[in-house]
Amino acid sequence: MRNQVIEKLLAKTRRTDLPSFDSGDTVRVQVKIREGEKERLQAFEGVVIACSKGAQASFTVRKISFGQGVERIFPLNCKVIDKVDVLRSSKVRRAKLYYLRGLKGRAARLRDAE
């Protein structure tokens, strides 16, 4: 009973404007940044290494910035996300790509989906 009520409330606030993507896809997330009274968009581009489903769905994006790995977790129903562009889709055999944390350079490449 309680789960049904929660699901109905979340269905009203759930975002439908985001494209479908999965682990292994390279995405560009446009994030709203507030600086004082101004608001601007900043792109965060990287590989989706994890997606969680359910009421509080989120996805984790990993990129390499100046030789250092950077990961950011985005909740799907977050107002900070302006839009998500899928740049590339890759064929992966796992749902969570945490093994990419230990790889760098050419070893961290993913095979393109056909």
N, C-alpha and C. Protein backbone atom coordinates (compact mmCIF):
# COMPACT_ATOMS: atom_id res chain seq x y z
N MET A 1 0.83 -1.19 0.00
CA MET A 1 0.00 0.00 0.00
C MET A 1 0.87 1.25 0.00
N ARG A 2 1.84 1.29 0.92
CA ARG A 2 2.68 2.47 1.03
C ARG A 2 3.55 2.66 -0.21
N ASN A 3 4.08 1.57 -0.76
CA ASN A 3 4.91 1.66 -1.96
C ASN A 3 4.11 2.18 -3.15
N GLN A 4 2.85 1.83 -3.24
CA GLN A 4 2.01 2.29 -4.34
C GLN A 4 1.82 3.81 -4.27
N VAL A 5 1.63 4.33 -3.07
CA VAL A 5 1.47 5.77 -2.89
C VAL A 5 2.75 6.51 -3.28
N ILE A 6 3.88 5.98 -2.85
CA ILE A 6 5.17 6.59 -3.18
C ILE A 6 5.40 6.55 -4.68
N GLU A 7 5.10 5.44 -5.33
CA GLU A 7 5.29 5.32 -6.78
C GLU A 7 4.41 6.30 -7.54
N LYS A 8 3.19 6.52 -7.07
CA LYS A 8 2.30 7.49 -7.73
C LYS A 8 2.85 8.90 -7.63
N LEU A 9 3.39 9.24 -6.45
CA LEU A 9 3.97 10.57 -6.28
C LEU A 9 5.21 10.76 -7.14
N LEU A 10 6.02 9.73 -7.22
CA LEU A 10 7.24 9.83 -8.02
C LEU A 10 6.94 9.85 -9.51
N ALA A 11 5.86 9.21 -9.93
CA ALA A 11 5.48 9.20 -11.34
C ALA A 11 5.15 10.61 -11.82
N LYS A 12 4.63 11.44 -10.93
CA LYS A 12 4.31 12.81 -11.31
C LYS A 12 5.56 13.65 -11.50
N THR A 13 6.61 13.37 -10.73
CA THR A 13 7.83 14.17 -10.80
C THR A 13 8.90 13.55 -11.69
N ARG A 14 8.67 12.37 -12.22
CA ARG A 14 9.67 11.67 -13.02
C ARG A 14 9.92 12.38 -14.35
N ARG A 15 11.16 12.48 -14.73
CA ARG A 15 11.52 13.16 -15.99
C ARG A 15 11.35 12.21 -17.16
N THR A 16 10.78 12.73 -18.22
CA THR A 16 10.60 11.92 -19.43
C THR A 16 11.36 12.51 -20.61
N ASP A 17 12.01 13.66 -20.42
CA ASP A 17 12.69 14.33 -21.52
C ASP A 17 14.11 13.83 -21.75
N LEU A 18 14.63 12.95 -20.89
CA LEU A 18 15.98 12.44 -21.05
C LEU A 18 15.99 11.25 -22.00
N PRO A 19 17.03 11.13 -22.84
CA PRO A 19 17.10 9.98 -23.74
C PRO A 19 17.45 8.71 -22.97
N SER A 20 17.21 7.58 -23.59
CA SER A 20 17.57 6.32 -22.94
C SER A 20 19.05 6.03 -23.20
N PHE A 21 19.76 5.68 -22.16
CA PHE A 21 21.17 5.33 -22.25
C PHE A 21 21.45 4.27 -21.22
N ASP A 22 22.59 3.62 -21.37
CA ASP A 22 22.94 2.52 -20.48
C ASP A 22 24.43 2.57 -20.19
N SER A 23 24.91 1.63 -19.42
CA SER A 23 26.33 1.57 -19.10
C SER A 23 27.15 1.39 -20.37
N GLY A 24 28.26 2.09 -20.44
CA GLY A 24 29.13 2.01 -21.60
C GLY A 24 28.91 3.13 -22.61
N ASP A 25 27.81 3.85 -22.50
CA ASP A 25 27.54 4.95 -23.42
C ASP A 25 28.34 6.18 -23.01
N THR A 26 28.81 6.91 -24.00
CA THR A 26 29.48 8.19 -23.75
C THR A 26 28.43 9.28 -23.84
N VAL A 27 28.29 10.05 -22.78
CA VAL A 27 27.24 11.07 -22.72
C VAL A 27 27.84 12.43 -22.39
N ARG A 28 27.13 13.47 -22.78
CA ARG A 28 27.46 14.84 -22.38
C ARG A 28 26.28 15.36 -21.58
N VAL A 29 26.51 15.62 -20.30
CA VAL A 29 25.46 16.10 -19.40
C VAL A 29 25.63 17.61 -19.25
N GLN A 30 24.58 18.36 -19.58
CA GLN A 30 24.59 19.81 -19.39
C GLN A 30 24.08 20.09 -17.98
N VAL A 31 24.95 20.63 -17.13
CA VAL A 31 24.64 20.86 -15.73
C VAL A 31 24.47 22.36 -15.49
N LYS A 32 23.42 22.72 -14.76
CA LYS A 32 23.19 24.12 -14.42
C LYS A 32 24.07 24.49 -13.23
N ILE A 33 24.85 25.56 -13.39
CA ILE A 33 25.74 26.04 -12.35
C ILE A 33 25.28 27.44 -11.95
N ARG A 34 25.08 27.64 -10.65
CA ARG A 34 24.71 28.98 -10.15
C ARG A 34 25.94 29.66 -9.60
N GLU A 35 26.19 30.87 -10.08
CA GLU A 35 27.29 31.69 -9.59
C GLU A 35 26.70 33.04 -9.18
N GLY A 36 26.42 33.18 -7.93
CA GLY A 36 25.76 34.39 -7.46
C GLY A 36 24.32 34.41 -7.94
N GLU A 37 23.98 35.41 -8.74
CA GLU A 37 22.63 35.51 -9.29
C GLU A 37 22.55 34.96 -10.70
N LYS A 38 23.71 34.71 -11.31
CA LYS A 38 23.73 34.21 -12.69
C LYS A 38 23.67 32.69 -12.69
N GLU A 39 23.17 32.16 -13.79
CA GLU A 39 23.11 30.71 -13.99
C GLU A 39 23.67 30.39 -15.36
N ARG A 40 24.54 29.39 -15.43
CA ARG A 40 25.13 29.01 -16.71
C ARG A 40 25.13 27.49 -16.83
N LEU A 41 25.39 27.01 -18.04
CA LEU A 41 25.46 25.58 -18.29
C LEU A 41 26.91 25.15 -18.41
N GLN A 42 27.22 24.01 -17.79
CA GLN A 42 28.55 23.45 -17.89
C GLN A 42 28.42 22.00 -18.32
N ALA A 43 29.22 21.59 -19.31
CA ALA A 43 29.15 20.22 -19.84
C ALA A 43 30.06 19.30 -19.03
N PHE A 44 29.55 18.11 -18.74
CA PHE A 44 30.34 17.05 -18.11
C PHE A 44 30.24 15.86 -19.04
N GLU A 45 31.32 15.56 -19.74
CA GLU A 45 31.31 14.51 -20.76
C GLU A 45 32.16 13.33 -20.32
N GLY A 46 31.58 12.13 -20.40
CA GLY A 46 32.31 10.94 -20.01
C GLY A 46 31.52 9.68 -20.26
N VAL A 47 32.02 8.58 -19.75
CA VAL A 47 31.41 7.26 -19.95
C VAL A 47 30.52 6.94 -18.76
N VAL A 48 29.32 6.45 -19.05
CA VAL A 48 28.41 6.00 -17.99
C VAL A 48 28.94 4.66 -17.49
N ILE A 49 29.34 4.62 -16.21
CA ILE A 49 29.89 3.37 -15.68
C ILE A 49 28.89 2.63 -14.81
N ALA A 50 27.79 3.29 -14.41
CA ALA A 50 26.78 2.62 -13.59
C ALA A 50 25.46 3.34 -13.73
N CYS A 51 24.38 2.56 -13.73
CA CYS A 51 23.03 3.10 -13.72
C CYS A 51 22.26 2.37 -12.63
N SER A 52 21.54 3.11 -11.81
CA SER A 52 20.68 2.47 -10.81
C SER A 52 19.23 2.77 -11.18
N LYS A 53 18.37 1.83 -10.95
CA LYS A 53 16.97 1.94 -11.30
C LYS A 53 16.15 2.18 -10.04
N GLY A 54 14.87 2.39 -10.21
CA GLY A 54 13.98 2.51 -9.07
C GLY A 54 13.52 3.92 -8.82
N ALA A 55 13.03 4.15 -7.61
CA ALA A 55 12.44 5.43 -7.24
C ALA A 55 13.48 6.54 -7.25
N GLN A 56 14.66 6.27 -6.77
CA GLN A 56 15.72 7.27 -6.74
C GLN A 56 16.81 6.90 -7.72
N ALA A 57 16.44 6.80 -8.99
CA ALA A 57 17.37 6.36 -10.03
C ALA A 57 18.48 7.38 -10.22
N SER A 58 19.67 6.89 -10.52
CA SER A 58 20.81 7.77 -10.76
C SER A 58 21.76 7.08 -11.74
N PHE A 59 22.71 7.85 -12.25
CA PHE A 59 23.74 7.29 -13.11
C PHE A 59 25.07 7.96 -12.79
N THR A 60 26.15 7.19 -12.96
CA THR A 60 27.49 7.66 -12.66
C THR A 60 28.26 7.84 -13.95
N VAL A 61 28.87 9.02 -14.12
CA VAL A 61 29.64 9.34 -15.32
C VAL A 61 31.09 9.53 -14.90
N ARG A 62 32.01 8.91 -15.67
CA ARG A 62 33.44 9.00 -15.37
C ARG A 62 34.16 9.62 -16.56
N LYS A 63 35.05 10.56 -16.27
CA LYS A 63 35.89 11.15 -17.30
C LYS A 63 37.30 11.31 -16.76
N ILE A 64 38.24 11.52 -17.68
CA ILE A 64 39.63 11.77 -17.31
C ILE A 64 39.89 13.26 -17.53
N SER A 65 40.28 13.96 -16.48
CA SER A 65 40.54 15.39 -16.57
C SER A 65 41.97 15.66 -16.09
N PHE A 66 42.82 16.11 -17.01
CA PHE A 66 44.23 16.39 -16.72
C PHE A 66 44.93 15.18 -16.10
N GLY A 67 44.64 13.99 -16.64
CA GLY A 67 45.28 12.77 -16.18
C GLY A 67 44.70 12.19 -14.91
N GLN A 68 43.67 12.82 -14.37
CA GLN A 68 43.06 12.36 -13.12
C GLN A 68 41.63 11.91 -13.42
N GLY A 69 41.23 10.76 -12.90
CA GLY A 69 39.87 10.27 -13.10
C GLY A 69 38.88 11.03 -12.22
N VAL A 70 37.78 11.47 -12.83
CA VAL A 70 36.75 12.21 -12.11
C VAL A 70 35.42 11.51 -12.34
N GLU A 71 34.71 11.22 -11.26
CA GLU A 71 33.39 10.60 -11.37
C GLU A 71 32.36 11.52 -10.74
N ARG A 72 31.17 11.52 -11.34
CA ARG A 72 30.09 12.33 -10.78
C ARG A 72 28.81 11.52 -10.87
N ILE A 73 28.05 11.54 -9.80
CA ILE A 73 26.78 10.81 -9.74
C ILE A 73 25.65 11.82 -9.93
N PHE A 74 24.79 11.55 -10.90
CA PHE A 74 23.65 12.42 -11.20
C PHE A 74 22.36 11.69 -10.88
N PRO A 75 21.51 12.23 -10.01
CA PRO A 75 20.16 11.67 -9.86
C PRO A 75 19.35 11.98 -11.12
N LEU A 76 18.55 11.04 -11.58
CA LEU A 76 17.78 11.24 -12.81
C LEU A 76 16.75 12.35 -12.67
N ASN A 77 16.11 12.46 -11.52
CA ASN A 77 15.05 13.43 -11.33
C ASN A 77 15.57 14.73 -10.73
N CYS A 78 16.80 15.09 -11.05
CA CYS A 78 17.44 16.27 -10.49
C CYS A 78 17.18 17.49 -11.37
N LYS A 79 16.94 18.64 -10.74
CA LYS A 79 16.70 19.86 -11.49
C LYS A 79 18.00 20.48 -12.00
N VAL A 80 19.14 20.01 -11.53
CA VAL A 80 20.42 20.54 -11.95
C VAL A 80 20.75 20.11 -13.38
N ILE A 81 20.24 18.97 -13.81
CA ILE A 81 20.50 18.47 -15.16
C ILE A 81 19.60 19.21 -16.14
N ASP A 82 20.22 19.87 -17.13
CA ASP A 82 19.45 20.55 -18.17
C ASP A 82 19.10 19.58 -19.28
N LYS A 83 20.12 18.90 -19.82
CA LYS A 83 19.86 17.87 -20.83
C LYS A 83 21.03 16.91 -20.90
N VAL A 84 20.76 15.75 -21.50
CA VAL A 84 21.76 14.71 -21.66
C VAL A 84 21.82 14.34 -23.14
N ASP A 85 23.02 14.39 -23.72
CA ASP A 85 23.22 13.98 -25.11
C ASP A 85 24.01 12.70 -25.13
N VAL A 86 23.54 11.70 -25.87
CA VAL A 86 24.27 10.45 -26.03
C VAL A 86 25.17 10.61 -27.25
N LEU A 87 26.49 10.55 -27.03
CA LEU A 87 27.45 10.76 -28.11
C LEU A 87 27.85 9.46 -28.79
N ARG A 88 28.04 8.41 -28.00
CA ARG A 88 28.47 7.11 -28.51
C ARG A 88 27.84 6.01 -27.69
N SER A 89 27.53 4.91 -28.33
CA SER A 89 27.08 3.73 -27.60
C SER A 89 28.13 2.64 -27.76
N SER A 90 28.43 1.97 -26.68
CA SER A 90 29.43 0.92 -26.70
C SER A 90 28.81 -0.39 -26.26
N LYS A 91 29.39 -1.47 -26.77
CA LYS A 91 28.93 -2.81 -26.40
C LYS A 91 29.71 -3.25 -25.17
N VAL A 92 29.00 -3.47 -24.08
CA VAL A 92 29.64 -3.92 -22.84
C VAL A 92 28.91 -5.17 -22.35
N ARG A 93 29.60 -5.94 -21.53
CA ARG A 93 29.04 -7.20 -21.05
C ARG A 93 28.71 -7.17 -19.57
N ARG A 94 28.81 -6.01 -18.97
CA ARG A 94 28.52 -5.85 -17.55
C ARG A 94 27.62 -4.64 -17.34
N ALA A 95 26.91 -4.64 -16.23
CA ALA A 95 26.06 -3.50 -15.89
C ALA A 95 26.86 -2.41 -15.20
N LYS A 96 27.83 -2.79 -14.40
CA LYS A 96 28.67 -1.84 -13.68
C LYS A 96 30.10 -1.94 -14.22
N LEU A 97 30.64 -0.84 -14.68
CA LEU A 97 31.96 -0.83 -15.32
C LEU A 97 33.03 -0.27 -14.38
N TYR A 98 33.00 -0.71 -13.13
CA TYR A 98 33.95 -0.20 -12.15
C TYR A 98 35.39 -0.60 -12.47
N TYR A 99 35.58 -1.61 -13.32
CA TYR A 99 36.93 -2.04 -13.66
C TYR A 99 37.66 -0.97 -14.47
N LEU A 100 36.93 -0.01 -15.06
CA LEU A 100 37.58 1.07 -15.81
C LEU A 100 38.40 1.98 -14.90
N ARG A 101 38.13 1.96 -13.61
CA ARG A 101 38.89 2.79 -12.67
C ARG A 101 40.36 2.39 -12.63
N GLY A 102 40.64 1.13 -12.86
CA GLY A 102 42.02 0.65 -12.81
C GLY A 102 42.73 0.68 -14.14
N LEU A 103 42.05 1.08 -15.21
CA LEU A 103 42.65 1.11 -16.54
C LEU A 103 42.86 2.54 -16.98
N LYS A 104 43.84 2.72 -17.88
CA LYS A 104 44.03 4.05 -18.45
C LYS A 104 44.55 3.93 -19.88
N GLY A 105 44.36 4.99 -20.63
CA GLY A 105 44.85 5.01 -22.01
C GLY A 105 44.04 4.09 -22.91
N ARG A 106 44.74 3.39 -23.78
CA ARG A 106 44.07 2.53 -24.75
C ARG A 106 43.41 1.33 -24.10
N ALA A 107 43.88 0.94 -22.93
CA ALA A 107 43.29 -0.21 -22.24
C ALA A 107 41.87 0.09 -21.77
N ALA A 108 41.53 1.37 -21.61
CA ALA A 108 40.21 1.76 -21.11
C ALA A 108 39.19 1.98 -22.22
N ARG A 109 39.57 1.68 -23.47
CA ARG A 109 38.64 1.87 -24.58
C ARG A 109 37.53 0.82 -24.53
N LEU A 110 36.37 1.20 -25.03
CA LEU A 110 35.24 0.28 -25.12
C LEU A 110 34.90 0.06 -26.59
N ARG A 111 34.43 -1.13 -26.90
CA ARG A 111 34.09 -1.49 -28.28
C ARG A 111 32.78 -0.83 -28.68
N ASP A 112 32.73 -0.23 -29.88
CA ASP A 112 31.52 0.42 -30.35
C ASP A 112 30.42 -0.60 -30.61
N ALA A 113 29.19 -0.18 -30.35
CA ALA A 113 28.03 -1.05 -30.63
C ALA A 113 27.79 -1.04 -32.13
N GLU A 114 27.40 -2.20 -32.64
CA GLU A 114 27.15 -2.30 -34.10
C GLU A 114 25.72 -2.09 -34.42
